Amino acid sequence: MKIPARYSHILFGALLSLIMVSIISATVILINQGYDTEFFTRWFKGFATAWPVAFPTVLLVAPFVRKVVAKVTV
């Protein structure tokens, strides 16, 4: 299944935020609370809390970051 190109910015934001929130929430929980039988439950709860914030943030911030990068690169 192919997604139309006009949705590429949304897919980009979804994938980027999904990957980043997964890595960061797992890292923070692992450092602060360690690994035990409840690790994945806490990780999912942290992910489910953070991703709804991260996804729209990426969608809003990405165009600005692209402009800044374009101005500071050759």
Protein backbone atom coordinates (compact mmCIF):
# COMPACT_ATOMS: atom_id res chain seq x y z
CA MET A 1 0.00 0.00 0.00
CA LYS A 2 1.38 3.40 -0.97
CA ILE A 3 0.48 6.62 0.80
CA PRO A 4 0.01 9.72 -1.38
CA ALA A 5 3.01 12.08 -1.32
CA ARG A 6 0.88 14.95 -0.01
CA TYR A 7 0.83 13.14 3.35
CA SER A 8 4.61 12.67 3.50
CA HIS A 9 5.11 15.40 6.13
CA ILE A 10 2.57 13.72 8.41
CA LEU A 11 4.15 10.29 7.93
CA PHE A 12 7.59 11.80 8.54
CA GLY A 13 6.38 13.38 11.79
CA ALA A 14 4.66 10.21 12.92
CA LEU A 15 7.67 7.98 12.30
CA LEU A 16 10.22 10.41 13.70
CA SER A 17 8.23 11.03 16.88
CA LEU A 18 7.43 7.34 17.28
CA ILE A 19 11.10 6.35 17.07
CA MET A 20 12.34 9.19 19.28
CA VAL A 21 9.70 8.73 21.99
CA SER A 22 10.30 4.97 22.04
CA ILE A 23 14.04 5.39 22.55
CA ILE A 24 13.88 8.28 25.01
CA SER A 25 11.07 6.88 27.17
CA ALA A 26 12.81 3.50 27.40
CA THR A 27 16.12 5.14 28.28
CA VAL A 28 14.65 7.38 30.97
CA ILE A 29 12.68 4.56 32.57
CA LEU A 30 15.67 2.22 32.44
CA ILE A 31 17.98 4.78 34.06
CA ASN A 32 15.52 5.97 36.70
CA GLN A 33 13.72 2.75 37.61
CA GLY A 34 15.86 -0.06 36.25
CA TYR A 35 14.83 -3.20 34.41
CA ASP A 36 12.35 -5.54 36.07
CA THR A 37 9.15 -7.41 35.26
CA GLU A 38 7.18 -4.15 35.06
CA PHE A 39 9.61 -2.42 32.68
CA PHE A 40 7.53 -2.85 29.53
CA THR A 41 4.33 -1.78 31.28
CA ARG A 42 6.00 1.42 32.51
CA TRP A 43 7.65 1.95 29.11
CA PHE A 44 4.33 1.70 27.29
CA LYS A 45 2.68 4.06 29.78
CA GLY A 46 5.49 6.58 29.32
CA PHE A 47 5.30 6.21 25.55
CA ALA A 48 1.51 6.59 25.53
CA THR A 49 1.84 9.77 27.59
CA ALA A 50 4.66 11.36 25.56
CA TRP A 51 3.79 10.47 21.97
CA PRO A 52 0.59 12.56 21.74
CA VAL A 53 2.74 15.55 22.70
CA ALA A 54 5.73 14.68 20.50
CA PHE A 55 3.82 14.01 17.28
CA PRO A 56 2.16 17.42 16.88
CA THR A 57 5.33 19.09 18.17
CA VAL A 58 7.35 17.51 15.36
CA LEU A 59 4.72 18.56 12.82
CA LEU A 60 4.89 22.16 14.07
CA VAL A 61 8.65 22.43 14.56
CA ALA A 62 9.96 20.52 11.51
CA PRO A 63 9.25 23.29 8.93
CA PHE A 64 11.10 25.84 11.08
CA VAL A 65 14.06 23.49 11.55
CA ARG A 66 14.22 22.83 7.79
CA LYS A 67 14.37 26.60 7.15
CA VAL A 68 17.12 27.11 9.72
CA VAL A 69 19.13 24.23 8.30
CA ALA A 70 18.71 25.59 4.77
CA LYS A 71 20.04 28.99 5.89
CA VAL A 72 23.11 27.65 7.66
CA THR A 73 24.20 25.10 5.07
CA VAL A 74 25.72 25.56 1.65
